[in-house]
């Protein structure tokens, strides 16, 4: 367990399919305690937040999304959401720093913005992360904006996260001077500080765990602060160690299983019992593989948290349940 109380920016990344958007959403709910404002934002253009919370697609504008997980006394904060796209971020940047106003919109109509952000991916990342930075470091330029206690970023996948956050290095060969270079250097002071934590989401499978280990090494090499590892989609652990050993060895008590089925009013057949015993063996084998990967996660040297596989899929109630589990384990 670690104290994340000083962290203002929680970056959530993970290999595709591990559920990083679900974890980011649950973390935002967990952080939004009594009186706290939390911003949940995304940068990948998938409108994952809108789908997760079953709301209309989000614009490039901060919107109140829902209330956070209740505290022990029932108090709740508020979760806001923001969908960030590079083109809108560039228009806002031009308006704030160069006062282009309508001229900036004209550039957009001519396709200049799309052209600029396509030929210079480093610039695109500066624009995306720049909006996140602004939400964390609110200043006098945005007088009517909400002051957030925490910002949770549903970030790009693990394989790209270091490049995405290390904007100053990515721009080194593109812009050695000028306002964008200056802005990227300023953002790096936040991204490399204790006010930022990069959390990695994995599942207990070989490739995601290895990618998590590689991601941690890359983040540390770039001087970026590693947070915790969230092990997601953990299977139920209903069988004891002895039962799992017997299931793997094919020595479960067939007669006891048949008796339990009959006691439950189920018609017992040889095929049914054979199928259940095979499922038990497969489950035990899977659990053994998961335990081996769990040991590797424990050796990564960072705090780890576990979230279960939700039987009915993820809805808002499920997100609150996961948020409660993250809070119980000390992540919020």
C-alpha atoms as a PDB file:
ATOM      1  CA  UNK A   1       0.000   0.000   0.000  1.00  0.00           C
ATOM      2  CA  UNK A   2       1.247   3.514  -0.808  1.00  0.00           C
ATOM      3  CA  UNK A   3       0.092   7.003   0.041  1.00  0.00           C
ATOM      4  CA  UNK A   4      -1.137   8.654  -3.154  1.00  0.00           C
ATOM      5  CA  UNK A   5      -2.508  11.661  -1.243  1.00  0.00           C
ATOM      6  CA  UNK A   6       0.012  14.078  -2.786  1.00  0.00           C
ATOM      7  CA  UNK A   7      -0.655  12.918  -6.342  1.00  0.00           C
ATOM      8  CA  UNK A   8      -2.691  15.340  -8.456  1.00  0.00           C
ATOM      9  CA  UNK A   9      -2.355  13.540 -11.809  1.00  0.00           C
ATOM     10  CA  UNK A  10      -3.111   9.816 -12.030  1.00  0.00           C
ATOM     11  CA  UNK A  11      -2.133   8.447 -15.454  1.00  0.00           C
ATOM     12  CA  UNK A  12      -3.684   5.040 -16.184  1.00  0.00           C
ATOM     13  CA  UNK A  13      -2.176   2.905 -18.937  1.00  0.00           C
ATOM     14  CA  UNK A  14      -2.212  -0.766 -19.874  1.00  0.00           C
ATOM     15  CA  UNK A  15      -2.006  -3.212 -22.738  1.00  0.00           C
ATOM     16  CA  UNK A  16      -5.102  -3.297 -24.922  1.00  0.00           C
ATOM     17  CA  UNK A  17      -7.763  -5.591 -23.514  1.00  0.00           C
ATOM     18  CA  UNK A  18      -6.703  -5.280 -19.886  1.00  0.00           C
ATOM     19  CA  UNK A  19      -9.492  -2.839 -19.005  1.00  0.00           C
ATOM     20  CA  UNK A  20      -7.501   0.349 -18.407  1.00  0.00           C
ATOM     21  CA  UNK A  21     -10.521   2.561 -19.200  1.00  0.00           C
ATOM     22  CA  UNK A  22     -12.576   0.668 -16.635  1.00  0.00           C
ATOM     23  CA  UNK A  23      -9.834   1.075 -14.027  1.00  0.00           C
ATOM     24  CA  UNK A  24      -9.420   4.792 -14.812  1.00  0.00           C
ATOM     25  CA  UNK A  25     -13.174   5.320 -14.400  1.00  0.00           C
ATOM     26  CA  UNK A  26     -13.291   3.377 -11.134  1.00  0.00           C
ATOM     27  CA  UNK A  27     -10.283   5.285  -9.803  1.00  0.00           C
ATOM     28  CA  UNK A  28     -11.954   8.630 -10.573  1.00  0.00           C
ATOM     29  CA  UNK A  29     -15.061   7.512  -8.652  1.00  0.00           C
ATOM     30  CA  UNK A  30     -12.907   6.353  -5.740  1.00  0.00           C
ATOM     31  CA  UNK A  31     -10.975   9.627  -5.551  1.00  0.00           C
ATOM     32  CA  UNK A  32     -14.094  11.800  -5.571  1.00  0.00           C
ATOM     33  CA  UNK A  33     -14.805  11.778  -1.845  1.00  0.00           C
ATOM     34  CA  UNK A  34     -16.597  14.457   0.165  1.00  0.00           C
ATOM     35  CA  UNK A  35     -16.245  17.870  -1.458  1.00  0.00           C
ATOM     36  CA  UNK A  36     -13.599  16.729  -3.947  1.00  0.00           C
ATOM     37  CA  UNK A  37     -13.725  17.499  -7.651  1.00  0.00           C
ATOM     38  CA  UNK A  38     -12.095  14.949  -9.941  1.00  0.00           C
ATOM     39  CA  UNK A  39     -11.605  15.238 -13.702  1.00  0.00           C
ATOM     40  CA  UNK A  40     -11.627  12.021 -15.743  1.00  0.00           C
ATOM     41  CA  UNK A  41     -10.213  12.644 -19.208  1.00  0.00           C
ATOM     42  CA  UNK A  42      -9.290  10.648 -22.303  1.00  0.00           C
ATOM     43  CA  UNK A  43      -7.086  11.368 -25.314  1.00  0.00           C
ATOM     44  CA  UNK A  44      -7.520   8.432 -27.695  1.00  0.00           C
ATOM     45  CA  UNK A  45     -10.665   9.547 -29.548  1.00  0.00           C
ATOM     46  CA  UNK A  46     -12.682   6.424 -28.717  1.00  0.00           C
ATOM     47  CA  UNK A  47     -15.310   8.109 -26.503  1.00  0.00           C
ATOM     48  CA  UNK A  48     -14.708   5.327 -23.998  1.00  0.00           C
ATOM     49  CA  UNK A  49     -15.857   7.435 -21.043  1.00  0.00           C
ATOM     50  CA  UNK A  50     -19.210   8.160 -22.664  1.00  0.00           C
ATOM     51  CA  UNK A  51     -19.789   4.458 -23.332  1.00  0.00           C
ATOM     52  CA  UNK A  52     -18.633   3.486 -19.858  1.00  0.00           C
ATOM     53  CA  UNK A  53     -21.093   5.826 -18.158  1.00  0.00           C
ATOM     54  CA  UNK A  54     -23.816   5.482 -20.819  1.00  0.00           C
ATOM     55  CA  UNK A  55     -23.956   9.186 -21.684  1.00  0.00           C
ATOM     56  CA  UNK A  56     -23.884  11.126 -24.947  1.00  0.00           C
ATOM     57  CA  UNK A  57     -20.489  11.521 -26.678  1.00  0.00           C
ATOM     58  CA  UNK A  58     -18.378  14.063 -24.821  1.00  0.00           C
ATOM     59  CA  UNK A  59     -17.397  17.355 -26.470  1.00  0.00           C
ATOM     60  CA  UNK A  60     -14.130  19.203 -25.965  1.00  0.00           C
ATOM     61  CA  UNK A  61     -15.565  20.713 -22.816  1.00  0.00           C
ATOM     62  CA  UNK A  62     -15.549  19.677 -19.176  1.00  0.00           C
ATOM     63  CA  UNK A  63     -18.887  18.161 -18.196  1.00  0.00           C
ATOM     64  CA  UNK A  64     -20.293  17.017 -14.879  1.00  0.00           C
ATOM     65  CA  UNK A  65     -20.477  13.247 -15.161  1.00  0.00           C
ATOM     66  CA  UNK A  66     -21.637  11.766 -11.860  1.00  0.00           C
ATOM     67  CA  UNK A  67     -21.040  11.795  -8.113  1.00  0.00           C
ATOM     68  CA  UNK A  68     -18.130   9.952  -6.605  1.00  0.00           C
ATOM     69  CA  UNK A  69     -18.050   6.985  -4.276  1.00  0.00           C
ATOM     70  CA  UNK A  70     -19.605   7.911  -0.895  1.00  0.00           C
ATOM     71  CA  UNK A  71     -17.337   8.374   2.106  1.00  0.00           C
ATOM     72  CA  UNK A  72     -17.974   6.535   5.370  1.00  0.00           C
ATOM     73  CA  UNK A  73     -20.385   9.303   6.386  1.00  0.00           C
ATOM     74  CA  UNK A  74     -22.121   9.302   3.000  1.00  0.00           C
ATOM     75  CA  UNK A  75     -20.395  12.389   1.602  1.00  0.00           C
ATOM     76  CA  UNK A  76     -19.675  12.488  -2.111  1.00  0.00           C
ATOM     77  CA  UNK A  77     -17.590  14.587  -4.445  1.00  0.00           C
ATOM     78  CA  UNK A  78     -18.181  15.133  -8.152  1.00  0.00           C
ATOM     79  CA  UNK A  79     -16.588  13.491 -11.185  1.00  0.00           C
ATOM     80  CA  UNK A  80     -16.303  15.606 -14.316  1.00  0.00           C
ATOM     81  CA  UNK A  81     -15.277  14.301 -17.730  1.00  0.00           C
ATOM     82  CA  UNK A  82     -13.364  15.665 -20.703  1.00  0.00           C
ATOM     83  CA  UNK A  83     -12.685  14.240 -24.149  1.00  0.00           C
ATOM     84  CA  UNK A  84      -9.482  15.813 -25.508  1.00  0.00           C
ATOM     85  CA  UNK A  85      -8.664  15.942 -29.209  1.00  0.00           C
ATOM     86  CA  UNK A  86      -5.536  17.540 -30.658  1.00  0.00           C
ATOM     87  CA  UNK A  87      -7.295  19.827 -33.122  1.00  0.00           C
ATOM     88  CA  UNK A  88      -9.534  21.431 -30.487  1.00  0.00           C
ATOM     89  CA  UNK A  89      -6.577  21.684 -28.113  1.00  0.00           C
ATOM     90  CA  UNK A  90      -4.556  23.525 -30.765  1.00  0.00           C
ATOM     91  CA  UNK A  91      -7.410  25.962 -31.429  1.00  0.00           C
ATOM     92  CA  UNK A  92      -7.642  26.665 -27.715  1.00  0.00           C
ATOM     93  CA  UNK A  93      -3.872  27.067 -27.492  1.00  0.00           C
ATOM     94  CA  UNK A  94      -3.856  29.578 -30.377  1.00  0.00           C
ATOM     95  CA  UNK A  95      -6.737  31.477 -28.829  1.00  0.00           C
ATOM     96  CA  UNK A  96      -5.178  31.633 -25.338  1.00  0.00           C
ATOM     97  CA  UNK A  97      -1.591  32.435 -26.271  1.00  0.00           C
ATOM     98  CA  UNK A  98      -1.859  34.169 -29.662  1.00  0.00           C
ATOM     99  CA  UNK A  99      -5.410  35.571 -29.510  1.00  0.00           C
ATOM    100  CA  UNK A 100      -6.144  34.283 -33.023  1.00  0.00           C
ATOM    101  CA  UNK A 101      -9.854  33.757 -32.341  1.00  0.00           C
ATOM    102  CA  UNK A 102     -11.657  33.472 -35.675  1.00  0.00           C
ATOM    103  CA  UNK A 103      -8.368  33.195 -37.527  1.00  0.00           C
ATOM    104  CA  UNK A 104      -7.687  29.955 -35.687  1.00  0.00           C
ATOM    105  CA  UNK A 105     -11.049  28.562 -36.781  1.00  0.00           C
ATOM    106  CA  UNK A 106     -10.241  29.561 -40.343  1.00  0.00           C
ATOM    107  CA  UNK A 107      -7.037  27.540 -40.130  1.00  0.00           C
ATOM    108  CA  UNK A 108      -9.131  24.577 -39.025  1.00  0.00           C
ATOM    109  CA  UNK A 109     -11.419  24.928 -42.045  1.00  0.00           C
ATOM    110  CA  UNK A 110      -8.422  24.925 -44.356  1.00  0.00           C
ATOM    111  CA  UNK A 111      -7.129  21.748 -42.747  1.00  0.00           C
ATOM    112  CA  UNK A 112      -3.923  23.366 -41.505  1.00  0.00           C
ATOM    113  CA  UNK A 113      -4.418  22.045 -37.986  1.00  0.00           C
ATOM    114  CA  UNK A 114      -4.881  18.453 -39.122  1.00  0.00           C
ATOM    115  CA  UNK A 115      -1.854  18.805 -41.378  1.00  0.00           C
ATOM    116  CA  UNK A 116       0.320  20.191 -38.564  1.00  0.00           C
ATOM    117  CA  UNK A 117      -0.616  17.538 -36.034  1.00  0.00           C
ATOM    118  CA  UNK A 118      -0.278  14.715 -38.569  1.00  0.00           C
ATOM    119  CA  UNK A 119       3.219  15.548 -39.809  1.00  0.00           C
ATOM    120  CA  UNK A 120       4.442  16.251 -36.298  1.00  0.00           C
ATOM    121  CA  UNK A 121       3.159  13.571 -33.871  1.00  0.00           C
ATOM    122  CA  UNK A 122       5.273  15.104 -31.123  1.00  0.00           C
ATOM    123  CA  UNK A 123       3.262  18.299 -31.434  1.00  0.00           C
ATOM    124  CA  UNK A 124       0.035  16.299 -31.173  1.00  0.00           C
ATOM    125  CA  UNK A 125       1.179  14.770 -27.884  1.00  0.00           C
ATOM    126  CA  UNK A 126       2.197  18.186 -26.532  1.00  0.00           C
ATOM    127  CA  UNK A 127      -1.289  19.488 -27.310  1.00  0.00           C
ATOM    128  CA  UNK A 128      -3.033  16.515 -25.713  1.00  0.00           C
ATOM    129  CA  UNK A 129      -0.875  16.453 -22.602  1.00  0.00           C
ATOM    130  CA  UNK A 130      -0.935  20.247 -22.489  1.00  0.00           C
ATOM    131  CA  UNK A 131      -4.664  20.266 -21.840  1.00  0.00           C
ATOM    132  CA  UNK A 132      -4.182  17.692 -19.072  1.00  0.00           C
ATOM    133  CA  UNK A 133      -1.412  19.866 -17.606  1.00  0.00           C
ATOM    134  CA  UNK A 134      -3.683  22.904 -17.678  1.00  0.00           C
ATOM    135  CA  UNK A 135      -6.394  21.016 -15.769  1.00  0.00           C
ATOM    136  CA  UNK A 136      -3.885  20.123 -13.058  1.00  0.00           C
ATOM    137  CA  UNK A 137      -2.166  23.524 -12.971  1.00  0.00           C
ATOM    138  CA  UNK A 138      -5.081  25.901 -13.251  1.00  0.00           C
ATOM    139  CA  UNK A 139      -3.998  29.549 -13.465  1.00  0.00           C
ATOM    140  CA  UNK A 140      -5.349  33.051 -14.056  1.00  0.00           C
ATOM    141  CA  UNK A 141      -5.824  32.468 -17.792  1.00  0.00           C
ATOM    142  CA  UNK A 142      -8.839  30.276 -17.019  1.00  0.00           C
ATOM    143  CA  UNK A 143     -10.663  32.222 -14.300  1.00  0.00           C
ATOM    144  CA  UNK A 144     -13.995  30.390 -14.456  1.00  0.00           C
ATOM    145  CA  UNK A 145     -12.552  26.880 -14.542  1.00  0.00           C
ATOM    146  CA  UNK A 146     -13.065  24.264 -11.838  1.00  0.00           C
ATOM    147  CA  UNK A 147     -10.169  23.666  -9.472  1.00  0.00           C
ATOM    148  CA  UNK A 148      -9.681  19.889  -9.417  1.00  0.00           C
ATOM    149  CA  UNK A 149      -8.354  17.945  -6.465  1.00  0.00           C
ATOM    150  CA  UNK A 150      -7.230  15.180  -8.832  1.00  0.00           C
ATOM    151  CA  UNK A 151      -7.101  14.474 -12.561  1.00  0.00           C
ATOM    152  CA  UNK A 152      -7.326  10.903 -13.871  1.00  0.00           C
ATOM    153  CA  UNK A 153      -6.090  10.365 -17.427  1.00  0.00           C
ATOM    154  CA  UNK A 154      -7.195   7.349 -19.454  1.00  0.00           C
ATOM    155  CA  UNK A 155      -3.918   7.316 -21.357  1.00  0.00           C
ATOM    156  CA  UNK A 156      -2.538   5.538 -24.460  1.00  0.00           C
ATOM    157  CA  UNK A 157      -1.426   1.885 -24.104  1.00  0.00           C
ATOM    158  CA  UNK A 158       1.679   0.802 -22.225  1.00  0.00           C
ATOM    159  CA  UNK A 159       3.760   0.467 -25.376  1.00  0.00           C
ATOM    160  CA  UNK A 160       3.363   4.194 -26.114  1.00  0.00           C
ATOM    161  CA  UNK A 161       2.999   5.742 -22.671  1.00  0.00           C
ATOM    162  CA  UNK A 162       6.635   6.780 -22.155  1.00  0.00           C
ATOM    163  CA  UNK A 163       6.796   8.452 -25.566  1.00  0.00           C
ATOM    164  CA  UNK A 164       3.437  10.125 -24.913  1.00  0.00           C
ATOM    165  CA  UNK A 165       4.464  11.634 -21.582  1.00  0.00           C
ATOM    166  CA  UNK A 166       8.094  12.367 -22.460  1.00  0.00           C
ATOM    167  CA  UNK A 167       7.038  15.246 -24.703  1.00  0.00           C
ATOM    168  CA  UNK A 168      10.158  17.317 -24.199  1.00  0.00           C
ATOM    169  CA  UNK A 169      12.362  14.527 -25.533  1.00  0.00           C
ATOM    170  CA  UNK A 170       9.987  13.842 -28.448  1.00  0.00           C
ATOM    171  CA  UNK A 171      10.201  17.488 -29.540  1.00  0.00           C
ATOM    172  CA  UNK A 172      13.978  17.697 -29.239  1.00  0.00           C
ATOM    173  CA  UNK A 173      14.567  17.256 -32.949  1.00  0.00           C
ATOM    174  CA  UNK A 174      11.534  19.264 -33.991  1.00  0.00           C
ATOM    175  CA  UNK A 175      11.500  22.440 -31.920  1.00  0.00           C
ATOM    176  CA  UNK A 176      14.609  23.508 -30.030  1.00  0.00           C
ATOM    177  CA  UNK A 177      13.202  26.913 -29.098  1.00  0.00           C
ATOM    178  CA  UNK A 178       9.860  28.680 -29.086  1.00  0.00           C
ATOM    179  CA  UNK A 179       6.626  28.564 -27.098  1.00  0.00           C
ATOM    180  CA  UNK A 180       5.744  24.918 -27.791  1.00  0.00           C
ATOM    181  CA  UNK A 181       9.225  23.788 -26.702  1.00  0.00           C
ATOM    182  CA  UNK A 182       8.942  25.963 -23.614  1.00  0.00           C
ATOM    183  CA  UNK A 183       5.511  24.563 -22.821  1.00  0.00           C
ATOM    184  CA  UNK A 184       6.718  20.969 -23.188  1.00  0.00           C
ATOM    185  CA  UNK A 185       9.632  21.608 -20.826  1.00  0.00           C
ATOM    186  CA  UNK A 186       7.254  23.138 -18.275  1.00  0.00           C
ATOM    187  CA  UNK A 187       4.905  20.150 -18.502  1.00  0.00           C
ATOM    188  CA  UNK A 188       7.772  17.758 -17.864  1.00  0.00           C
ATOM    189  CA  UNK A 189       8.323  19.352 -14.449  1.00  0.00           C
ATOM    190  CA  UNK A 190       4.844  18.098 -13.510  1.00  0.00           C
ATOM    191  CA  UNK A 191       5.079  14.714 -15.226  1.00  0.00           C
ATOM    192  CA  UNK A 192       8.378  13.916 -13.498  1.00  0.00           C
ATOM    193  CA  UNK A 193       7.281  15.181 -10.076  1.00  0.00           C
ATOM    194  CA  UNK A 194       5.713  13.330  -7.092  1.00  0.00           C
ATOM    195  CA  UNK A 195       2.415  14.989  -8.044  1.00  0.00           C
ATOM    196  CA  UNK A 196       2.146  12.503 -10.934  1.00  0.00           C
ATOM    197  CA  UNK A 197       1.788   8.724 -10.770  1.00  0.00           C
ATOM    198  CA  UNK A 198       1.636   6.408 -13.783  1.00  0.00           C
ATOM    199  CA  UNK A 199      -0.447   3.347 -12.916  1.00  0.00           C
ATOM    200  CA  UNK A 200      -0.266   0.258 -15.120  1.00  0.00           C
ATOM    201  CA  UNK A 201      -3.174  -2.134 -15.645  1.00  0.00           C
ATOM    202  CA  UNK A 202      -2.550  -5.790 -16.429  1.00  0.00           C
ATOM    203  CA  UNK A 203      -4.208  -9.175 -16.338  1.00  0.00           C
ATOM    204  CA  UNK A 204      -2.574 -12.355 -15.071  1.00  0.00           C
ATOM    205  CA  UNK A 205      -1.306 -13.500 -18.452  1.00  0.00           C
ATOM    206  CA  UNK A 206       2.258 -13.752 -19.696  1.00  0.00           C
ATOM    207  CA  UNK A 207       2.253 -11.054 -22.402  1.00  0.00           C
ATOM    208  CA  UNK A 208       0.451  -8.302 -20.442  1.00  0.00           C
ATOM    209  CA  UNK A 209       2.590  -8.909 -17.352  1.00  0.00           C
ATOM    210  CA  UNK A 210       5.789  -8.806 -19.433  1.00  0.00           C
ATOM    211  CA  UNK A 211       4.621  -5.606 -21.154  1.00  0.00           C
ATOM    212  CA  UNK A 212       3.906  -4.125 -17.727  1.00  0.00           C
ATOM    213  CA  UNK A 213       7.433  -4.969 -16.571  1.00  0.00           C
ATOM    214  CA  UNK A 214       8.887  -3.448 -19.746  1.00  0.00           C
ATOM    215  CA  UNK A 215       6.700  -0.354 -19.326  1.00  0.00           C
ATOM    216  CA  UNK A 216       7.894   0.171 -15.761  1.00  0.00           C
ATOM    217  CA  UNK A 217      11.512  -0.089 -16.893  1.00  0.00           C
ATOM    218  CA  UNK A 218      10.951   2.426 -19.695  1.00  0.00           C
ATOM    219  CA  UNK A 219       9.150   4.881 -17.421  1.00  0.00           C
ATOM    220  CA  UNK A 220      11.919   4.713 -14.851  1.00  0.00           C
ATOM    221  CA  UNK A 221      14.574   5.142 -17.536  1.00  0.00           C
ATOM    222  CA  UNK A 222      12.810   8.326 -18.680  1.00  0.00           C
ATOM    223  CA  UNK A 223      12.544   9.627 -15.118  1.00  0.00           C
ATOM    224  CA  UNK A 224       8.767   9.309 -15.036  1.00  0.00           C
ATOM    225  CA  UNK A 225       7.128   8.311 -11.729  1.00  0.00           C
ATOM    226  CA  UNK A 226       5.691   4.798 -11.592  1.00  0.00           C
ATOM    227  CA  UNK A 227       2.566   4.425  -9.467  1.00  0.00           C
ATOM    228  CA  UNK A 228       0.928   1.075  -8.849  1.00  0.00           C
ATOM    229  CA  UNK A 229      -0.007  -1.999 -10.859  1.00  0.00           C
ATOM    230  CA  UNK A 230      -3.694  -2.859 -11.010  1.00  0.00           C
ATOM    231  CA  UNK A 231      -4.305  -6.538 -11.718  1.00  0.00           C
ATOM    232  CA  UNK A 232      -7.689  -6.569 -13.411  1.00  0.00           C
ATOM    233  CA  UNK A 233     -10.188  -9.307 -14.346  1.00  0.00           C
ATOM    234  CA  UNK A 234      -9.072 -11.675 -11.598  1.00  0.00           C
ATOM    235  CA  UNK A 235     -11.004 -14.941 -11.667  1.00  0.00           C
ATOM    236  CA  UNK A 236     -13.000 -16.090  -8.604  1.00  0.00           C
ATOM    237  CA  UNK A 237     -11.002 -18.007  -6.013  1.00  0.00           C
ATOM    238  CA  UNK A 238     -13.712 -20.346  -4.786  1.00  0.00           C
ATOM    239  CA  UNK A 239     -11.645 -23.535  -4.570  1.00  0.00           C
ATOM    240  CA  UNK A 240      -9.132 -24.259  -1.834  1.00  0.00           C
ATOM    241  CA  UNK A 241      -5.498 -25.068  -2.592  1.00  0.00           C
ATOM    242  CA  UNK A 242      -6.183 -28.730  -1.860  1.00  0.00           C
ATOM    243  CA  UNK A 243      -9.163 -28.821  -4.233  1.00  0.00           C
ATOM    244  CA  UNK A 244      -7.155 -27.118  -6.970  1.00  0.00           C
ATOM    245  CA  UNK A 245      -4.331 -29.666  -6.587  1.00  0.00           C
ATOM    246  CA  UNK A 246      -6.825 -32.527  -6.783  1.00  0.00           C
ATOM    247  CA  UNK A 247      -8.538 -30.985  -9.815  1.00  0.00           C
ATOM    248  CA  UNK A 248      -5.247 -30.664 -11.688  1.00  0.00           C
ATOM    249  CA  UNK A 249      -4.332 -34.242 -10.808  1.00  0.00           C
ATOM    250  CA  UNK A 250      -7.755 -35.572 -11.820  1.00  0.00           C
ATOM    251  CA  UNK A 251      -8.368 -36.939  -8.333  1.00  0.00           C
ATOM    252  CA  UNK A 252     -11.460 -35.033  -7.254  1.00  0.00           C
ATOM    253  CA  UNK A 253     -14.048 -37.194  -5.493  1.00  0.00           C
ATOM    254  CA  UNK A 254     -16.411 -38.173  -8.306  1.00  0.00           C
ATOM    255  CA  UNK A 255     -18.880 -39.767  -5.944  1.00  0.00           C
ATOM    256  CA  UNK A 256     -19.098 -36.639  -3.759  1.00  0.00           C
ATOM    257  CA  UNK A 257     -19.727 -34.503  -6.836  1.00  0.00           C
ATOM    258  CA  UNK A 258     -22.509 -36.814  -8.020  1.00  0.00           C
ATOM    259  CA  UNK A 259     -24.079 -36.714  -4.550  1.00  0.00           C
ATOM    260  CA  UNK A 260     -23.975 -32.905  -4.441  1.00  0.00           C
ATOM    261  CA  UNK A 261     -25.598 -32.667  -7.878  1.00  0.00           C
ATOM    262  CA  UNK A 262     -28.343 -35.102  -6.908  1.00  0.00           C
ATOM    263  CA  UNK A 263     -28.963 -33.204  -3.649  1.00  0.00           C
ATOM    264  CA  UNK A 264     -29.494 -30.086  -5.738  1.00  0.00           C
ATOM    265  CA  UNK A 265     -32.188 -31.786  -7.791  1.00  0.00           C
ATOM    266  CA  UNK A 266     -30.039 -32.141 -10.909  1.00  0.00           C
ATOM    267  CA  UNK A 267     -30.269 -35.197 -13.130  1.00  0.00           C
ATOM    268  CA  UNK A 268     -26.846 -36.811 -12.904  1.00  0.00           C
ATOM    269  CA  UNK A 269     -25.250 -38.350 -15.965  1.00  0.00           C
ATOM    270  CA  UNK A 270     -21.739 -39.567 -16.705  1.00  0.00           C
ATOM    271  CA  UNK A 271     -21.311 -36.924 -19.428  1.00  0.00           C
ATOM    272  CA  UNK A 272     -22.324 -34.126 -17.033  1.00  0.00           C
ATOM    273  CA  UNK A 273     -19.910 -35.274 -14.335  1.00  0.00           C
ATOM    274  CA  UNK A 274     -17.095 -35.754 -16.877  1.00  0.00           C
ATOM    275  CA  UNK A 275     -17.669 -32.227 -18.197  1.00  0.00           C
ATOM    276  CA  UNK A 276     -17.639 -30.677 -14.739  1.00  0.00           C
ATOM    277  CA  UNK A 277     -14.463 -32.495 -13.777  1.00  0.00           C
ATOM    278  CA  UNK A 278     -12.786 -31.292 -16.979  1.00  0.00           C
ATOM    279  CA  UNK A 279     -13.899 -27.719 -16.283  1.00  0.00           C
ATOM    280  CA  UNK A 280     -12.462 -28.015 -12.778  1.00  0.00           C
ATOM    281  CA  UNK A 281      -9.162 -29.273 -14.187  1.00  0.00           C
ATOM    282  CA  UNK A 282      -9.035 -26.408 -16.720  1.00  0.00           C
ATOM    283  CA  UNK A 283      -9.852 -23.882 -13.996  1.00  0.00           C
ATOM    284  CA  UNK A 284      -7.140 -25.294 -11.730  1.00  0.00           C
ATOM    285  CA  UNK A 285      -4.590 -25.122 -14.554  1.00  0.00           C
ATOM    286  CA  UNK A 286      -5.577 -21.532 -15.264  1.00  0.00           C
ATOM    287  CA  UNK A 287      -5.285 -20.647 -11.588  1.00  0.00           C
ATOM    288  CA  UNK A 288      -1.791 -22.122 -11.455  1.00  0.00           C
ATOM    289  CA  UNK A 289      -0.740 -19.977 -14.429  1.00  0.00           C
ATOM    290  CA  UNK A 290      -2.286 -16.902 -12.801  1.00  0.00           C
ATOM    291  CA  UNK A 291      -0.451 -17.579  -9.546  1.00  0.00           C
ATOM    292  CA  UNK A 292       2.860 -17.750 -11.410  1.00  0.00           C
ATOM    293  CA  UNK A 293       2.132 -14.385 -13.047  1.00  0.00           C
ATOM    294  CA  UNK A 294       0.978 -12.919  -9.714  1.00  0.00           C
ATOM    295  CA  UNK A 295       4.406 -13.786  -8.308  1.00  0.00           C
ATOM    296  CA  UNK A 296       6.043 -11.887 -11.169  1.00  0.00           C
ATOM    297  CA  UNK A 297       3.842  -8.855 -10.465  1.00  0.00           C
ATOM    298  CA  UNK A 298       4.871  -8.994  -6.803  1.00  0.00           C
ATOM    299  CA  UNK A 299       8.524  -8.904  -7.901  1.00  0.00           C
ATOM    300  CA  UNK A 300       8.046  -5.647  -9.856  1.00  0.00           C
ATOM    301  CA  UNK A 301       8.702  -3.641  -6.710  1.00  0.00           C
ATOM    302  CA  UNK A 302       5.610  -1.417  -6.897  1.00  0.00           C
ATOM    303  CA  UNK A 303       2.287  -1.491  -4.998  1.00  0.00           C
ATOM    304  CA  UNK A 304      -0.282  -3.803  -6.577  1.00  0.00           C
ATOM    305  CA  UNK A 305      -4.058  -3.952  -6.389  1.00  0.00           C
ATOM    306  CA  UNK A 306      -6.521  -6.564  -7.626  1.00  0.00           C
ATOM    307  CA  UNK A 307      -9.956  -6.189  -9.190  1.00  0.00           C
ATOM    308  CA  UNK A 308     -12.263  -9.116  -9.948  1.00  0.00           C
ATOM    309  CA  UNK A 309     -13.828 -10.141 -13.215  1.00  0.00           C
ATOM    310  CA  UNK A 310     -17.429  -8.897 -13.067  1.00  0.00           C
ATOM    311  CA  UNK A 311     -19.809 -11.701 -14.008  1.00  0.00           C
ATOM    312  CA  UNK A 312     -22.402  -9.494 -15.705  1.00  0.00           C
ATOM    313  CA  UNK A 313     -20.007  -7.089 -17.381  1.00  0.00           C
ATOM    314  CA  UNK A 314     -19.398  -3.480 -16.346  1.00  0.00           C
ATOM    315  CA  UNK A 315     -22.189  -1.007 -15.715  1.00  0.00           C
ATOM    316  CA  UNK A 316     -22.294   2.034 -13.433  1.00  0.00           C
ATOM    317  CA  UNK A 317     -23.044  -0.145 -10.406  1.00  0.00           C
ATOM    318  CA  UNK A 318     -20.061  -2.321 -11.277  1.00  0.00           C
ATOM    319  CA  UNK A 319     -17.825   0.743 -11.543  1.00  0.00           C
ATOM    320  CA  UNK A 320     -18.838   1.854  -8.052  1.00  0.00           C
ATOM    321  CA  UNK A 321     -18.110  -1.649  -6.781  1.00  0.00           C
ATOM    322  CA  UNK A 322     -14.646  -1.585  -8.317  1.00  0.00           C
ATOM    323  CA  UNK A 323     -14.106   1.935  -6.935  1.00  0.00           C
ATOM    324  CA  UNK A 324     -14.903   0.627  -3.459  1.00  0.00           C
ATOM    325  CA  UNK A 325     -12.364  -2.159  -3.853  1.00  0.00           C
ATOM    326  CA  UNK A 326      -9.649   0.298  -4.957  1.00  0.00           C
ATOM    327  CA  UNK A 327     -10.401   2.479  -1.944  1.00  0.00           C
ATOM    328  CA  UNK A 328     -10.353  -0.512   0.425  1.00  0.00           C
ATOM    329  CA  UNK A 329      -6.930  -1.501  -0.899  1.00  0.00           C
ATOM    330  CA  UNK A 330      -5.581   2.003  -0.356  1.00  0.00           C
ATOM    331  CA  UNK A 331      -5.356   3.293  -3.928  1.00  0.00           C
ATOM    332  CA  UNK A 332      -7.703   6.221  -3.189  1.00  0.00           C
END
